Amino acid sequence: MIRSSSNLSSQSPWLEIAEQICSSLNTHFVLEKINAIGGGCINETYHIQGNDQHYFVKLNKTSNLPMFEAEAAGLKEIQNSHTLRVPEPKCWGRNDFSAWLVLEYLDLRHTPNQHAEALGTGLANMHRTFSDQFGWFRDNTIGSTLQKNDRSSDWIHFWRHNRLGYQLQLAQINGYKGKLQTQGERLMTDLGVFFTGSRINACLLHGDLWSGNYSFDSTGQPVLFDPAVYYGDREADLAMTELFGGFPPQFYASYQDAYPLEVGYRTRKTLYNLYHVLNHLNLFGSGYLRQAEQMMDRLLAEIR
């Protein structure tokens, strides 16, 4: 869809977005083209152009501005690690009808088999950005679900209360009771079993690292986007790369060469991915219930 700035509706945020780009970036910007981009299930996304400038814009309900503020902060957190490239946040705001986030526009090309090694090495380097506590300075979202990031010095406590426990509470509210809750309580009671002998560092995580949230720029440099940033066990990021189809073998080989994984990852990845499957259950419905129960069965079999 292409629209000129001369026929925008009175409820459109575009003129205000253009004005904010001018003021925030100290530039002259006249909106000339708006191209809708498909693919997302949470936000409306657009490529806007004017004066030979290009920006990527996300729109959502005006009440969702905190989601965009947290995303911008997460992108800056990764950017400050000087490891992997992210689209630079430019500005964000809202009016009575919409909230928006304006990002650097990148010409992305999804060619993972050609540049997967660089992505693996870059992620390993990003995971060497450490904090003294697990969590983050603010909550953010995983999909459209609140992701609680209350800081803790204890990783098991963090995962129990801010990840599995919170998703199970949402599932209870959404009507998923019985076996799911019984298994969940047993699992949370015995979480420590999965970390015996392991040393967990609070590493900078993307937080939502599936195959739809990375690509490559025109030079082949890896790019991460749509983060749900926090500091936690790096295995949580690696686990999610395997949840929805996986990344290329070269990615895993280069990551392992740069930052070898500890013994026990193969079991813990199910624990970490359970969080995302429970989130999908809460977001998209009962089609994920059986998968969540089966994952819990496998994990509980490890501690019997």
C-alpha atoms as a PDB file:
ATOM      1  CA  MET A   1       0.000   0.000   0.000  1.00  0.00           C
ATOM      2  CA  ILE A   2       1.346   3.437  -0.940  1.00  0.00           C
ATOM      3  CA  ARG A   3      -0.182   6.696   0.197  1.00  0.00           C
ATOM      4  CA  SER A   4       0.997  10.227  -0.201  1.00  0.00           C
ATOM      5  CA  SER A   5       1.118  12.640   2.726  1.00  0.00           C
ATOM      6  CA  SER A   6      -1.605  14.729   1.069  1.00  0.00           C
ATOM      7  CA  ASN A   7      -4.466  12.288   1.715  1.00  0.00           C
ATOM      8  CA  LEU A   8      -3.954  11.159   5.294  1.00  0.00           C
ATOM      9  CA  SER A   9      -6.992  10.784   7.550  1.00  0.00           C
ATOM     10  CA  SER A  10      -7.536  12.947  10.603  1.00  0.00           C
ATOM     11  CA  GLN A  11      -6.831   9.946  12.858  1.00  0.00           C
ATOM     12  CA  SER A  12      -3.603   9.044  11.078  1.00  0.00           C
ATOM     13  CA  PRO A  13      -0.385   9.354  13.099  1.00  0.00           C
ATOM     14  CA  TRP A  14       1.803   9.949  10.053  1.00  0.00           C
ATOM     15  CA  LEU A  15       2.052  13.721  10.181  1.00  0.00           C
ATOM     16  CA  GLU A  16       2.946  13.581  13.872  1.00  0.00           C
ATOM     17  CA  ILE A  17       5.502  10.857  13.164  1.00  0.00           C
ATOM     18  CA  ALA A  18       7.069  12.994  10.446  1.00  0.00           C
ATOM     19  CA  GLU A  19       7.188  15.979  12.793  1.00  0.00           C
ATOM     20  CA  GLN A  20       8.776  13.895  15.527  1.00  0.00           C
ATOM     21  CA  ILE A  21      11.420  12.578  13.118  1.00  0.00           C
ATOM     22  CA  CYS A  22      12.293  16.175  12.266  1.00  0.00           C
ATOM     23  CA  SER A  23      12.514  17.307  15.878  1.00  0.00           C
ATOM     24  CA  SER A  24      14.142  14.208  17.382  1.00  0.00           C
ATOM     25  CA  LEU A  25      16.732  13.739  14.661  1.00  0.00           C
ATOM     26  CA  ASN A  26      17.243  17.414  13.860  1.00  0.00           C
ATOM     27  CA  THR A  27      16.588  16.725  10.198  1.00  0.00           C
ATOM     28  CA  HIS A  28      14.282  17.912   7.438  1.00  0.00           C
ATOM     29  CA  PHE A  29      11.819  15.159   6.574  1.00  0.00           C
ATOM     30  CA  VAL A  30       8.765  15.414   4.326  1.00  0.00           C
ATOM     31  CA  LEU A  31       6.732  12.219   4.193  1.00  0.00           C
ATOM     32  CA  GLU A  32       6.334  11.112   0.572  1.00  0.00           C
ATOM     33  CA  LYS A  33       5.540   7.381   0.586  1.00  0.00           C
ATOM     34  CA  ILE A  34       4.133   4.864   3.055  1.00  0.00           C
ATOM     35  CA  ASN A  35       4.522   1.180   2.166  1.00  0.00           C
ATOM     36  CA  ALA A  36       2.800  -1.410   4.337  1.00  0.00           C
ATOM     37  CA  ILE A  37       4.939  -4.432   5.164  1.00  0.00           C
ATOM     38  CA  GLY A  38       3.326  -7.766   6.059  1.00  0.00           C
ATOM     39  CA  GLY A  39       4.590 -10.576   8.230  1.00  0.00           C
ATOM     40  CA  GLY A  40       3.983  -9.524  11.836  1.00  0.00           C
ATOM     41  CA  CYS A  41       1.126 -10.691  14.061  1.00  0.00           C
ATOM     42  CA  ILE A  42       1.588  -8.114  16.840  1.00  0.00           C
ATOM     43  CA  ASN A  43       2.130  -4.759  15.117  1.00  0.00           C
ATOM     44  CA  GLU A  44       1.378  -3.017  11.852  1.00  0.00           C
ATOM     45  CA  THR A  45       4.666  -2.328  10.077  1.00  0.00           C
ATOM     46  CA  TYR A  46       5.607   0.193   7.396  1.00  0.00           C
ATOM     47  CA  HIS A  47       8.482   1.492   5.325  1.00  0.00           C
ATOM     48  CA  ILE A  48       8.226   5.259   5.011  1.00  0.00           C
ATOM     49  CA  GLN A  49      10.241   7.491   2.688  1.00  0.00           C
ATOM     50  CA  GLY A  50      10.923  11.157   2.081  1.00  0.00           C
ATOM     51  CA  ASN A  51      13.852  13.401   1.150  1.00  0.00           C
ATOM     52  CA  ASP A  52      15.936  10.294   0.328  1.00  0.00           C
ATOM     53  CA  GLN A  53      15.465   9.147   3.928  1.00  0.00           C
ATOM     54  CA  HIS A  54      13.998   5.766   4.839  1.00  0.00           C
ATOM     55  CA  TYR A  55      12.543   4.570   8.167  1.00  0.00           C
ATOM     56  CA  PHE A  56      10.865   1.441   9.467  1.00  0.00           C
ATOM     57  CA  VAL A  57       7.757   2.165  11.564  1.00  0.00           C
ATOM     58  CA  LYS A  58       5.714  -0.025  13.902  1.00  0.00           C
ATOM     59  CA  LEU A  59       2.178   0.938  14.920  1.00  0.00           C
ATOM     60  CA  ASN A  60      -0.043  -0.402  17.666  1.00  0.00           C
ATOM     61  CA  LYS A  61      -2.739   0.801  20.058  1.00  0.00           C
ATOM     62  CA  THR A  62      -1.908   3.974  21.927  1.00  0.00           C
ATOM     63  CA  SER A  63      -1.901   2.026  25.221  1.00  0.00           C
ATOM     64  CA  ASN A  64       1.031  -0.057  23.935  1.00  0.00           C
ATOM     65  CA  LEU A  65       3.596   2.733  23.954  1.00  0.00           C
ATOM     66  CA  PRO A  66       5.421   1.075  26.924  1.00  0.00           C
ATOM     67  CA  MET A  67       5.961  -1.986  24.706  1.00  0.00           C
ATOM     68  CA  PHE A  68       7.713   0.198  22.132  1.00  0.00           C
ATOM     69  CA  GLU A  69       9.705   2.034  24.798  1.00  0.00           C
ATOM     70  CA  ALA A  70      10.953  -1.305  26.126  1.00  0.00           C
ATOM     71  CA  GLU A  71      11.800  -2.521  22.621  1.00  0.00           C
ATOM     72  CA  ALA A  72      13.818   0.627  21.935  1.00  0.00           C
ATOM     73  CA  ALA A  73      15.669   0.160  25.235  1.00  0.00           C
ATOM     74  CA  GLY A  74      16.359  -3.484  24.358  1.00  0.00           C
ATOM     75  CA  LEU A  75      17.755  -2.582  20.946  1.00  0.00           C
ATOM     76  CA  LYS A  76      20.015  -0.002  22.582  1.00  0.00           C
ATOM     77  CA  GLU A  77      21.174  -2.596  25.134  1.00  0.00           C
ATOM     78  CA  ILE A  78      22.280  -4.906  22.323  1.00  0.00           C
ATOM     79  CA  GLN A  79      23.746  -1.996  20.370  1.00  0.00           C
ATOM     80  CA  ASN A  80      25.831  -0.981  23.380  1.00  0.00           C
ATOM     81  CA  SER A  81      27.358  -4.475  23.516  1.00  0.00           C
ATOM     82  CA  HIS A  82      29.147  -3.719  20.199  1.00  0.00           C
ATOM     83  CA  THR A  83      28.591  -7.274  18.992  1.00  0.00           C
ATOM     84  CA  LEU A  84      25.635  -7.812  16.646  1.00  0.00           C
ATOM     85  CA  ARG A  85      23.913  -5.168  14.559  1.00  0.00           C
ATOM     86  CA  VAL A  86      20.363  -4.059  15.352  1.00  0.00           C
ATOM     87  CA  PRO A  87      18.165  -1.418  13.704  1.00  0.00           C
ATOM     88  CA  GLU A  88      18.817   1.815  15.546  1.00  0.00           C
ATOM     89  CA  PRO A  89      15.799   3.225  17.406  1.00  0.00           C
ATOM     90  CA  LYS A  90      15.091   6.754  16.169  1.00  0.00           C
ATOM     91  CA  CYS A  91      12.022   7.956  18.101  1.00  0.00           C
ATOM     92  CA  TRP A  92       8.727   6.761  19.562  1.00  0.00           C
ATOM     93  CA  GLY A  93       5.494   8.306  20.759  1.00  0.00           C
ATOM     94  CA  ARG A  94       1.727   8.235  20.563  1.00  0.00           C
ATOM     95  CA  ASN A  95      -1.388  10.280  19.881  1.00  0.00           C
ATOM     96  CA  ASP A  96      -5.028   9.587  20.787  1.00  0.00           C
ATOM     97  CA  PHE A  97      -5.263   6.745  18.256  1.00  0.00           C
ATOM     98  CA  SER A  98      -1.883   5.030  17.854  1.00  0.00           C
ATOM     99  CA  ALA A  99       1.502   4.380  19.401  1.00  0.00           C
ATOM    100  CA  TRP A 100       4.570   4.146  17.172  1.00  0.00           C
ATOM    101  CA  LEU A 101       8.212   3.211  17.081  1.00  0.00           C
ATOM    102  CA  VAL A 102      10.482   4.578  14.352  1.00  0.00           C
ATOM    103  CA  LEU A 103      13.585   2.536  13.547  1.00  0.00           C
ATOM    104  CA  GLU A 104      16.469   2.668  11.133  1.00  0.00           C
ATOM    105  CA  TYR A 105      15.389   1.081   7.848  1.00  0.00           C
ATOM    106  CA  LEU A 106      17.683  -1.750   6.759  1.00  0.00           C
ATOM    107  CA  ASP A 107      17.697  -3.564   3.439  1.00  0.00           C
ATOM    108  CA  LEU A 108      17.584  -7.089   4.867  1.00  0.00           C
ATOM    109  CA  ARG A 109      18.273 -10.312   2.988  1.00  0.00           C
ATOM    110  CA  HIS A 110      17.571 -13.640   4.665  1.00  0.00           C
ATOM    111  CA  THR A 111      20.516 -15.736   3.475  1.00  0.00           C
ATOM    112  CA  PRO A 112      21.349 -17.766   6.603  1.00  0.00           C
ATOM    113  CA  ASN A 113      23.379 -20.538   5.007  1.00  0.00           C
ATOM    114  CA  GLN A 114      25.852 -18.020   3.592  1.00  0.00           C
ATOM    115  CA  HIS A 115      26.495 -16.042   6.771  1.00  0.00           C
ATOM    116  CA  ALA A 116      25.444 -18.330   9.636  1.00  0.00           C
ATOM    117  CA  GLU A 117      28.975 -18.543  11.045  1.00  0.00           C
ATOM    118  CA  ALA A 118      29.077 -14.800  11.634  1.00  0.00           C
ATOM    119  CA  LEU A 119      25.725 -14.967  13.424  1.00  0.00           C
ATOM    120  CA  GLY A 120      26.923 -17.766  15.714  1.00  0.00           C
ATOM    121  CA  THR A 121      30.167 -16.027  16.588  1.00  0.00           C
ATOM    122  CA  GLY A 122      28.389 -12.695  17.073  1.00  0.00           C
ATOM    123  CA  LEU A 123      25.817 -14.200  19.414  1.00  0.00           C
ATOM    124  CA  ALA A 124      28.543 -15.885  21.454  1.00  0.00           C
ATOM    125  CA  ASN A 125      30.243 -12.501  21.806  1.00  0.00           C
ATOM    126  CA  MET A 126      26.964 -10.853  22.790  1.00  0.00           C
ATOM    127  CA  HIS A 127      26.477 -13.509  25.466  1.00  0.00           C
ATOM    128  CA  ARG A 128      29.779 -12.380  26.991  1.00  0.00           C
ATOM    129  CA  THR A 129      28.132  -9.126  27.989  1.00  0.00           C
ATOM    130  CA  PHE A 130      27.407  -9.751  31.671  1.00  0.00           C
ATOM    131  CA  SER A 131      25.392  -8.237  34.499  1.00  0.00           C
ATOM    132  CA  ASP A 132      25.696  -8.817  38.225  1.00  0.00           C
ATOM    133  CA  GLN A 133      22.007  -9.797  38.396  1.00  0.00           C
ATOM    134  CA  PHE A 134      19.479 -11.734  36.366  1.00  0.00           C
ATOM    135  CA  GLY A 135      16.593  -9.824  34.833  1.00  0.00           C
ATOM    136  CA  TRP A 136      16.634  -6.240  33.595  1.00  0.00           C
ATOM    137  CA  PHE A 137      15.876  -2.706  34.737  1.00  0.00           C
ATOM    138  CA  ARG A 138      12.332  -2.867  33.309  1.00  0.00           C
ATOM    139  CA  ASP A 139       9.669  -5.303  32.185  1.00  0.00           C
ATOM    140  CA  ASN A 140       9.047  -5.802  28.472  1.00  0.00           C
ATOM    141  CA  THR A 141       6.955  -8.142  26.323  1.00  0.00           C
ATOM    142  CA  ILE A 142       7.315 -11.597  24.805  1.00  0.00           C
ATOM    143  CA  GLY A 143       4.999 -11.402  21.833  1.00  0.00           C
ATOM    144  CA  SER A 144       2.236  -9.296  23.332  1.00  0.00           C
ATOM    145  CA  THR A 145       2.524 -10.891  26.795  1.00  0.00           C
ATOM    146  CA  LEU A 146       4.085  -9.013  29.685  1.00  0.00           C
ATOM    147  CA  GLN A 147       7.562 -10.376  30.416  1.00  0.00           C
ATOM    148  CA  LYS A 148       8.508  -9.775  34.037  1.00  0.00           C
ATOM    149  CA  ASN A 149      12.170  -8.948  34.581  1.00  0.00           C
ATOM    150  CA  ASP A 150      12.354  -8.390  38.352  1.00  0.00           C
ATOM    151  CA  ARG A 151      16.040  -8.547  39.172  1.00  0.00           C
ATOM    152  CA  SER A 152      17.432 -11.417  41.220  1.00  0.00           C
ATOM    153  CA  SER A 153      20.822 -12.792  42.163  1.00  0.00           C
ATOM    154  CA  ASP A 154      19.379 -16.337  41.976  1.00  0.00           C
ATOM    155  CA  TRP A 155      18.727 -17.722  38.484  1.00  0.00           C
ATOM    156  CA  ILE A 156      16.498 -20.567  39.667  1.00  0.00           C
ATOM    157  CA  HIS A 157      14.355 -18.117  41.643  1.00  0.00           C
ATOM    158  CA  PHE A 158      14.177 -15.838  38.603  1.00  0.00           C
ATOM    159  CA  TRP A 159      13.119 -18.620  36.244  1.00  0.00           C
ATOM    160  CA  ARG A 160      10.609 -20.039  38.708  1.00  0.00           C
ATOM    161  CA  HIS A 161       8.841 -16.765  39.469  1.00  0.00           C
ATOM    162  CA  ASN A 162       9.296 -14.562  36.408  1.00  0.00           C
ATOM    163  CA  ARG A 163       9.100 -17.167  33.665  1.00  0.00           C
ATOM    164  CA  LEU A 164       7.402 -20.530  34.363  1.00  0.00           C
ATOM    165  CA  GLY A 165       5.380 -19.395  37.369  1.00  0.00           C
ATOM    166  CA  TYR A 166       4.040 -16.309  35.638  1.00  0.00           C
ATOM    167  CA  GLN A 167       3.032 -18.226  32.498  1.00  0.00           C
ATOM    168  CA  LEU A 168       1.322 -20.893  34.603  1.00  0.00           C
ATOM    169  CA  GLN A 169      -0.629 -18.171  36.428  1.00  0.00           C
ATOM    170  CA  LEU A 170      -1.802 -16.818  33.067  1.00  0.00           C
ATOM    171  CA  ALA A 171      -2.730 -20.337  31.973  1.00  0.00           C
ATOM    172  CA  GLN A 172      -4.817 -20.776  35.133  1.00  0.00           C
ATOM    173  CA  ILE A 173      -6.626 -17.509  34.392  1.00  0.00           C
ATOM    174  CA  ASN A 174      -7.178 -18.675  30.818  1.00  0.00           C
ATOM    175  CA  GLY A 175      -8.819 -21.890  32.016  1.00  0.00           C
ATOM    176  CA  TYR A 176      -5.919 -24.345  31.676  1.00  0.00           C
ATOM    177  CA  LYS A 177      -6.021 -26.213  34.975  1.00  0.00           C
ATOM    178  CA  GLY A 178      -5.719 -29.878  35.942  1.00  0.00           C
ATOM    179  CA  LYS A 179      -2.644 -31.737  34.709  1.00  0.00           C
ATOM    180  CA  LEU A 180      -0.847 -28.656  33.417  1.00  0.00           C
ATOM    181  CA  GLN A 181      -0.938 -26.957  36.808  1.00  0.00           C
ATOM    182  CA  THR A 182      -0.114 -30.126  38.757  1.00  0.00           C
ATOM    183  CA  GLN A 183       2.896 -30.847  36.556  1.00  0.00           C
ATOM    184  CA  GLY A 184       3.950 -27.232  36.680  1.00  0.00           C
ATOM    185  CA  GLU A 185       3.965 -27.131  40.472  1.00  0.00           C
ATOM    186  CA  ARG A 186       6.055 -30.303  40.673  1.00  0.00           C
ATOM    187  CA  LEU A 187       8.484 -28.976  38.100  1.00  0.00           C
ATOM    188  CA  MET A 188       8.950 -25.630  39.815  1.00  0.00           C
ATOM    189  CA  THR A 189       9.536 -27.338  43.175  1.00  0.00           C
ATOM    190  CA  ASP A 190      12.429 -29.374  41.736  1.00  0.00           C
ATOM    191  CA  LEU A 191      13.965 -26.845  39.329  1.00  0.00           C
ATOM    192  CA  GLY A 192      17.317 -26.991  41.084  1.00  0.00           C
ATOM    193  CA  VAL A 193      17.872 -30.569  39.867  1.00  0.00           C
ATOM    194  CA  PHE A 194      18.497 -29.305  36.325  1.00  0.00           C
ATOM    195  CA  PHE A 195      21.332 -27.017  37.421  1.00  0.00           C
ATOM    196  CA  THR A 196      23.383 -29.289  39.664  1.00  0.00           C
ATOM    197  CA  GLY A 197      27.048 -28.484  39.111  1.00  0.00           C
ATOM    198  CA  SER A 198      26.269 -25.679  36.644  1.00  0.00           C
ATOM    199  CA  ARG A 199      27.483 -22.112  36.924  1.00  0.00           C
ATOM    200  CA  ILE A 200      24.970 -19.707  35.391  1.00  0.00           C
ATOM    201  CA  ASN A 201      26.150 -16.269  34.289  1.00  0.00           C
ATOM    202  CA  ALA A 202      23.778 -13.351  33.771  1.00  0.00           C
ATOM    203  CA  CYS A 203      24.383 -12.879  30.034  1.00  0.00           C
ATOM    204  CA  LEU A 204      22.781 -10.367  27.692  1.00  0.00           C
ATOM    205  CA  LEU A 205      19.995 -12.237  25.883  1.00  0.00           C
ATOM    206  CA  HIS A 206      17.913 -11.364  22.853  1.00  0.00           C
ATOM    207  CA  GLY A 207      15.083 -13.175  24.635  1.00  0.00           C
ATOM    208  CA  ASP A 208      12.942 -14.070  21.596  1.00  0.00           C
ATOM    209  CA  LEU A 209      15.509 -15.588  19.254  1.00  0.00           C
ATOM    210  CA  TRP A 210      13.559 -17.615  16.716  1.00  0.00           C
ATOM    211  CA  SER A 211      14.277 -17.696  12.994  1.00  0.00           C
ATOM    212  CA  GLY A 212      11.931 -14.799  12.250  1.00  0.00           C
ATOM    213  CA  ASN A 213      13.913 -12.352  14.390  1.00  0.00           C
ATOM    214  CA  TYR A 214      17.242 -12.281  12.597  1.00  0.00           C
ATOM    215  CA  SER A 215      18.438 -11.553   9.097  1.00  0.00           C
ATOM    216  CA  PHE A 216      21.444 -10.075   7.267  1.00  0.00           C
ATOM    217  CA  ASP A 217      22.144  -6.674   5.789  1.00  0.00           C
ATOM    218  CA  SER A 218      23.364  -6.057   2.243  1.00  0.00           C
ATOM    219  CA  THR A 219      26.972  -6.754   3.278  1.00  0.00           C
ATOM    220  CA  GLY A 220      26.130 -10.071   4.941  1.00  0.00           C
ATOM    221  CA  GLN A 221      26.380  -8.689   8.478  1.00  0.00           C
ATOM    222  CA  PRO A 222      23.943 -10.399  10.898  1.00  0.00           C
ATOM    223  CA  VAL A 223      21.089  -8.264  12.224  1.00  0.00           C
ATOM    224  CA  LEU A 224      18.872  -8.969  15.254  1.00  0.00           C
ATOM    225  CA  PHE A 225      15.489  -7.331  15.798  1.00  0.00           C
ATOM    226  CA  ASP A 226      12.247  -7.659  17.810  1.00  0.00           C
ATOM    227  CA  PRO A 227      14.086  -8.382  21.083  1.00  0.00           C
ATOM    228  CA  ALA A 228      12.694  -9.282  24.501  1.00  0.00           C
ATOM    229  CA  VAL A 229      15.950  -8.402  26.238  1.00  0.00           C
ATOM    230  CA  TYR A 230      17.018  -9.458  29.721  1.00  0.00           C
ATOM    231  CA  TYR A 231      20.098 -10.918  31.429  1.00  0.00           C
ATOM    232  CA  GLY A 232      19.968 -14.660  31.997  1.00  0.00           C
ATOM    233  CA  ASP A 233      21.376 -18.064  31.127  1.00  0.00           C
ATOM    234  CA  ARG A 234      22.679 -17.947  27.551  1.00  0.00           C
ATOM    235  CA  GLU A 235      21.245 -21.418  27.005  1.00  0.00           C
ATOM    236  CA  ALA A 236      17.770 -19.856  26.995  1.00  0.00           C
ATOM    237  CA  ASP A 237      18.631 -18.013  23.769  1.00  0.00           C
ATOM    238  CA  LEU A 238      20.227 -21.092  22.213  1.00  0.00           C
ATOM    239  CA  ALA A 239      17.245 -23.239  23.168  1.00  0.00           C
ATOM    240  CA  MET A 240      14.785 -20.987  21.367  1.00  0.00           C
ATOM    241  CA  THR A 241      16.827 -21.140  18.175  1.00  0.00           C
ATOM    242  CA  GLU A 242      15.896 -24.842  18.100  1.00  0.00           C
ATOM    243  CA  LEU A 243      12.192 -24.434  18.905  1.00  0.00           C
ATOM    244  CA  PHE A 244      10.681 -23.417  15.572  1.00  0.00           C
ATOM    245  CA  GLY A 245      12.708 -25.168  12.892  1.00  0.00           C
ATOM    246  CA  GLY A 246      16.221 -24.382  14.062  1.00  0.00           C
ATOM    247  CA  PHE A 247      19.095 -22.352  12.648  1.00  0.00           C
ATOM    248  CA  PRO A 248      21.681 -23.635  10.118  1.00  0.00           C
ATOM    249  CA  PRO A 249      24.292 -26.152  11.368  1.00  0.00           C
ATOM    250  CA  GLN A 250      27.062 -23.621  10.706  1.00  0.00           C
ATOM    251  CA  PHE A 251      25.492 -21.298  13.292  1.00  0.00           C
ATOM    252  CA  TYR A 252      25.679 -23.905  16.056  1.00  0.00           C
ATOM    253  CA  ALA A 253      29.201 -24.994  15.106  1.00  0.00           C
ATOM    254  CA  SER A 254      30.575 -21.437  15.177  1.00  0.00           C
ATOM    255  CA  TYR A 255      28.803 -20.649  18.468  1.00  0.00           C
ATOM    256  CA  GLN A 256      30.172 -23.811  20.069  1.00  0.00           C
ATOM    257  CA  ASP A 257      33.683 -22.992  18.871  1.00  0.00           C
ATOM    258  CA  ALA A 258      33.465 -19.483  20.307  1.00  0.00           C
ATOM    259  CA  TYR A 259      31.665 -20.262  23.589  1.00  0.00           C
ATOM    260  CA  PRO A 260      31.181 -24.005  24.283  1.00  0.00           C
ATOM    261  CA  LEU A 261      27.953 -25.052  25.995  1.00  0.00           C
ATOM    262  CA  GLU A 262      27.950 -26.890  29.305  1.00  0.00           C
ATOM    263  CA  VAL A 263      26.926 -30.480  29.924  1.00  0.00           C
ATOM    264  CA  GLY A 264      23.173 -30.691  30.533  1.00  0.00           C
ATOM    265  CA  TYR A 265      22.073 -28.247  27.836  1.00  0.00           C
ATOM    266  CA  ARG A 266      20.120 -30.918  25.944  1.00  0.00           C
ATOM    267  CA  THR A 267      17.806 -31.348  28.944  1.00  0.00           C
ATOM    268  CA  ARG A 268      17.675 -27.717  29.984  1.00  0.00           C
ATOM    269  CA  LYS A 269      16.693 -26.555  26.510  1.00  0.00           C
ATOM    270  CA  THR A 270      13.322 -28.275  27.026  1.00  0.00           C
ATOM    271  CA  LEU A 271      12.918 -26.391  30.299  1.00  0.00           C
ATOM    272  CA  TYR A 272      13.699 -23.081  28.613  1.00  0.00           C
ATOM    273  CA  ASN A 273      11.497 -23.699  25.596  1.00  0.00           C
ATOM    274  CA  LEU A 274       8.594 -24.668  27.857  1.00  0.00           C
ATOM    275  CA  TYR A 275       8.341 -20.970  28.714  1.00  0.00           C
ATOM    276  CA  HIS A 276       7.744 -20.085  25.063  1.00  0.00           C
ATOM    277  CA  VAL A 277       5.303 -22.920  24.476  1.00  0.00           C
ATOM    278  CA  LEU A 278       3.299 -21.845  27.527  1.00  0.00           C
ATOM    279  CA  ASN A 279       3.326 -18.301  26.175  1.00  0.00           C
ATOM    280  CA  HIS A 280       1.979 -19.578  22.844  1.00  0.00           C
ATOM    281  CA  LEU A 281      -0.691 -21.481  24.752  1.00  0.00           C
ATOM    282  CA  ASN A 282      -1.735 -18.258  26.481  1.00  0.00           C
ATOM    283  CA  LEU A 283      -1.591 -16.205  23.300  1.00  0.00           C
ATOM    284  CA  PHE A 284      -2.987 -18.574  20.692  1.00  0.00           C
ATOM    285  CA  GLY A 285      -4.992 -21.242  22.483  1.00  0.00           C
ATOM    286  CA  SER A 286      -5.273 -24.941  23.262  1.00  0.00           C
ATOM    287  CA  GLY A 287      -3.360 -26.141  20.210  1.00  0.00           C
ATOM    288  CA  TYR A 288      -0.220 -25.816  22.354  1.00  0.00           C
ATOM    289  CA  LEU A 289      -1.588 -27.589  25.448  1.00  0.00           C
ATOM    290  CA  ARG A 290      -0.505 -31.108  24.533  1.00  0.00           C
ATOM    291  CA  GLN A 291       2.972 -29.928  23.567  1.00  0.00           C
ATOM    292  CA  ALA A 292       3.381 -28.179  26.924  1.00  0.00           C
ATOM    293  CA  GLU A 293       2.224 -31.282  28.829  1.00  0.00           C
ATOM    294  CA  GLN A 294       4.581 -33.527  26.854  1.00  0.00           C
ATOM    295  CA  MET A 295       7.515 -31.242  27.584  1.00  0.00           C
ATOM    296  CA  MET A 296       6.673 -31.335  31.270  1.00  0.00           C
ATOM    297  CA  ASP A 297       6.456 -35.146  31.129  1.00  0.00           C
ATOM    298  CA  ARG A 298       9.988 -35.325  29.685  1.00  0.00           C
ATOM    299  CA  LEU A 299      11.368 -32.958  32.289  1.00  0.00           C
ATOM    300  CA  LEU A 300       9.678 -34.691  35.226  1.00  0.00           C
ATOM    301  CA  ALA A 301      11.033 -38.042  33.995  1.00  0.00           C
ATOM    302  CA  GLU A 302      14.532 -36.622  34.581  1.00  0.00           C
ATOM    303  CA  ILE A 303      13.892 -36.089  38.291  1.00  0.00           C
ATOM    304  CA  ARG A 304      12.006 -39.229  39.260  1.00  0.00           C
END
